[in-house]
């Protein structure tokens, strides 16, 4: 996280959330991060089949468990009604095999 100075420069770099201090195992790695239509931060994980939902204070308020071995990325439709998640089934080598899941957005 950064502050933005009056000249638009980034300053005061600091950690927003450290997952291992929030109860996640030390081998959980965040990947894709999106702001959801509900104002929460959604974190895709390279190392687990979960999407973590964080509030404005950086606390985990919900975990969305999905099939596969990883859920590294996600996005929301422009109208905010659907969340698409890339779910990886096999991380043993590229290309990573998996699927794209379409889920109703959490505020629906």
C-alpha atoms as a PDB file:
ATOM      1  CA  UNK A   1       0.000   0.000   0.000  1.00  0.00           C
ATOM      2  CA  UNK A   2       1.208   3.534  -0.739  1.00  0.00           C
ATOM      3  CA  UNK A   3       0.199   7.079  -0.035  1.00  0.00           C
ATOM      4  CA  UNK A   4      -0.065   9.336  -3.081  1.00  0.00           C
ATOM      5  CA  UNK A   5       1.720  12.685  -2.712  1.00  0.00           C
ATOM      6  CA  UNK A   6       0.263  15.921  -4.062  1.00  0.00           C
ATOM      7  CA  UNK A   7       2.541  15.564  -7.129  1.00  0.00           C
ATOM      8  CA  UNK A   8       1.073  12.038  -7.659  1.00  0.00           C
ATOM      9  CA  UNK A   9       4.280  10.287  -6.570  1.00  0.00           C
ATOM     10  CA  UNK A  10       3.980   7.138  -4.454  1.00  0.00           C
ATOM     11  CA  UNK A  11       5.283   7.365  -0.898  1.00  0.00           C
ATOM     12  CA  UNK A  12       5.180   5.575   2.462  1.00  0.00           C
ATOM     13  CA  UNK A  13       5.245   1.995   1.153  1.00  0.00           C
ATOM     14  CA  UNK A  14       3.808  -0.548   3.607  1.00  0.00           C
ATOM     15  CA  UNK A  15       2.315  -4.034   3.719  1.00  0.00           C
ATOM     16  CA  UNK A  16      -1.489  -4.062   3.433  1.00  0.00           C
ATOM     17  CA  UNK A  17      -2.017  -7.686   4.458  1.00  0.00           C
ATOM     18  CA  UNK A  18       0.354 -10.534   5.238  1.00  0.00           C
ATOM     19  CA  UNK A  19      -1.630 -13.715   4.722  1.00  0.00           C
ATOM     20  CA  UNK A  20       0.496 -15.847   7.047  1.00  0.00           C
ATOM     21  CA  UNK A  21      -0.345 -13.531   9.963  1.00  0.00           C
ATOM     22  CA  UNK A  22      -4.053 -13.830   9.091  1.00  0.00           C
ATOM     23  CA  UNK A  23      -4.177 -17.583   9.640  1.00  0.00           C
ATOM     24  CA  UNK A  24      -3.176 -18.759   6.158  1.00  0.00           C
ATOM     25  CA  UNK A  25      -0.349 -21.312   5.806  1.00  0.00           C
ATOM     26  CA  UNK A  26       3.090 -19.832   5.050  1.00  0.00           C
ATOM     27  CA  UNK A  27       3.094 -21.412   1.570  1.00  0.00           C
ATOM     28  CA  UNK A  28      -0.026 -19.520   0.391  1.00  0.00           C
ATOM     29  CA  UNK A  29       0.915 -17.044  -2.339  1.00  0.00           C
ATOM     30  CA  UNK A  30      -1.383 -14.272  -3.590  1.00  0.00           C
ATOM     31  CA  UNK A  31      -1.598 -13.738  -7.334  1.00  0.00           C
ATOM     32  CA  UNK A  32      -4.463 -11.852  -9.004  1.00  0.00           C
ATOM     33  CA  UNK A  33      -6.081  -9.125  -6.906  1.00  0.00           C
ATOM     34  CA  UNK A  34      -9.327  -7.342  -7.817  1.00  0.00           C
ATOM     35  CA  UNK A  35     -11.649  -4.846  -6.183  1.00  0.00           C
ATOM     36  CA  UNK A  36     -15.096  -6.435  -6.107  1.00  0.00           C
ATOM     37  CA  UNK A  37     -18.430  -4.754  -6.786  1.00  0.00           C
ATOM     38  CA  UNK A  38     -19.097  -4.947  -3.031  1.00  0.00           C
ATOM     39  CA  UNK A  39     -15.985  -2.855  -2.268  1.00  0.00           C
ATOM     40  CA  UNK A  40     -14.014  -5.810  -0.890  1.00  0.00           C
ATOM     41  CA  UNK A  41     -10.608  -6.930  -2.157  1.00  0.00           C
ATOM     42  CA  UNK A  42     -10.584 -10.374  -3.821  1.00  0.00           C
ATOM     43  CA  UNK A  43      -7.273 -12.253  -3.817  1.00  0.00           C
ATOM     44  CA  UNK A  44      -6.653 -15.219  -6.109  1.00  0.00           C
ATOM     45  CA  UNK A  45      -4.100 -17.724  -4.841  1.00  0.00           C
ATOM     46  CA  UNK A  46      -1.403 -19.430  -6.880  1.00  0.00           C
ATOM     47  CA  UNK A  47      -0.922 -22.018  -4.161  1.00  0.00           C
ATOM     48  CA  UNK A  48      -4.466 -22.910  -3.055  1.00  0.00           C
ATOM     49  CA  UNK A  49      -7.943 -23.336  -4.555  1.00  0.00           C
ATOM     50  CA  UNK A  50      -9.409 -20.374  -2.678  1.00  0.00           C
ATOM     51  CA  UNK A  51     -10.337 -16.790  -3.336  1.00  0.00           C
ATOM     52  CA  UNK A  52      -9.741 -14.732  -0.195  1.00  0.00           C
ATOM     53  CA  UNK A  53     -11.999 -11.745   0.441  1.00  0.00           C
ATOM     54  CA  UNK A  54     -10.381  -8.948   2.449  1.00  0.00           C
ATOM     55  CA  UNK A  55     -11.998  -5.900   3.977  1.00  0.00           C
ATOM     56  CA  UNK A  56     -10.601  -2.350   3.943  1.00  0.00           C
ATOM     57  CA  UNK A  57      -8.482  -3.148   7.017  1.00  0.00           C
ATOM     58  CA  UNK A  58      -6.766  -6.092   5.291  1.00  0.00           C
ATOM     59  CA  UNK A  59      -8.581  -8.760   7.314  1.00  0.00           C
ATOM     60  CA  UNK A  60      -9.914 -11.954   5.711  1.00  0.00           C
ATOM     61  CA  UNK A  61     -13.691 -11.868   5.979  1.00  0.00           C
ATOM     62  CA  UNK A  62     -14.493 -14.802   3.713  1.00  0.00           C
ATOM     63  CA  UNK A  63     -12.893 -17.671   1.787  1.00  0.00           C
ATOM     64  CA  UNK A  64     -14.426 -18.956  -1.424  1.00  0.00           C
ATOM     65  CA  UNK A  65     -13.278 -22.557  -1.907  1.00  0.00           C
ATOM     66  CA  UNK A  66     -13.258 -23.794  -5.515  1.00  0.00           C
ATOM     67  CA  UNK A  67     -12.289 -27.017  -7.291  1.00  0.00           C
ATOM     68  CA  UNK A  68      -8.712 -27.490  -8.460  1.00  0.00           C
ATOM     69  CA  UNK A  69      -5.275 -26.896  -6.944  1.00  0.00           C
ATOM     70  CA  UNK A  70      -5.018 -23.135  -7.473  1.00  0.00           C
ATOM     71  CA  UNK A  71      -7.160 -20.122  -8.319  1.00  0.00           C
ATOM     72  CA  UNK A  72      -4.583 -17.553  -9.403  1.00  0.00           C
ATOM     73  CA  UNK A  73      -6.779 -15.038 -11.151  1.00  0.00           C
ATOM     74  CA  UNK A  74     -10.268 -13.634 -11.303  1.00  0.00           C
ATOM     75  CA  UNK A  75     -12.306 -10.797 -12.737  1.00  0.00           C
ATOM     76  CA  UNK A  76     -15.786  -9.346 -12.534  1.00  0.00           C
ATOM     77  CA  UNK A  77     -18.127  -8.468 -15.373  1.00  0.00           C
ATOM     78  CA  UNK A  78     -18.761  -4.771 -15.992  1.00  0.00           C
ATOM     79  CA  UNK A  79     -22.209  -5.008 -14.409  1.00  0.00           C
ATOM     80  CA  UNK A  80     -20.715  -6.743 -11.341  1.00  0.00           C
ATOM     81  CA  UNK A  81     -23.130  -9.671 -11.521  1.00  0.00           C
ATOM     82  CA  UNK A  82     -20.623 -12.420 -12.390  1.00  0.00           C
ATOM     83  CA  UNK A  83     -17.162 -13.332 -11.144  1.00  0.00           C
ATOM     84  CA  UNK A  84     -14.952 -15.374 -13.473  1.00  0.00           C
ATOM     85  CA  UNK A  85     -12.202 -17.421 -11.822  1.00  0.00           C
ATOM     86  CA  UNK A  86      -9.307 -19.236 -13.481  1.00  0.00           C
ATOM     87  CA  UNK A  87      -9.062 -22.582 -11.663  1.00  0.00           C
ATOM     88  CA  UNK A  88      -5.916 -24.644 -12.264  1.00  0.00           C
ATOM     89  CA  UNK A  89      -6.221 -28.432 -12.080  1.00  0.00           C
ATOM     90  CA  UNK A  90      -2.549 -29.368 -12.604  1.00  0.00           C
ATOM     91  CA  UNK A  91       0.510 -27.228 -11.757  1.00  0.00           C
ATOM     92  CA  UNK A  92       3.074 -29.862 -12.752  1.00  0.00           C
ATOM     93  CA  UNK A  93       4.072 -28.013 -15.918  1.00  0.00           C
ATOM     94  CA  UNK A  94       3.040 -25.508 -18.502  1.00  0.00           C
ATOM     95  CA  UNK A  95       0.636 -25.132 -20.057  1.00  0.00           C
ATOM     96  CA  UNK A  96      -1.313 -25.308 -16.805  1.00  0.00           C
ATOM     97  CA  UNK A  97      -4.488 -27.280 -17.340  1.00  0.00           C
ATOM     98  CA  UNK A  98      -7.670 -25.999 -15.790  1.00  0.00           C
ATOM     99  CA  UNK A  99     -10.938 -24.239 -16.388  1.00  0.00           C
ATOM    100  CA  UNK A 100     -12.698 -20.908 -16.100  1.00  0.00           C
ATOM    101  CA  UNK A 101     -15.545 -20.848 -13.602  1.00  0.00           C
ATOM    102  CA  UNK A 102     -18.432 -18.374 -13.718  1.00  0.00           C
ATOM    103  CA  UNK A 103     -19.948 -17.605 -10.321  1.00  0.00           C
ATOM    104  CA  UNK A 104     -22.575 -15.109  -9.222  1.00  0.00           C
ATOM    105  CA  UNK A 105     -20.890 -12.103  -7.624  1.00  0.00           C
ATOM    106  CA  UNK A 106     -20.988 -12.210  -3.834  1.00  0.00           C
ATOM    107  CA  UNK A 107     -23.377  -9.257  -3.573  1.00  0.00           C
ATOM    108  CA  UNK A 108     -25.944 -11.036  -5.750  1.00  0.00           C
END
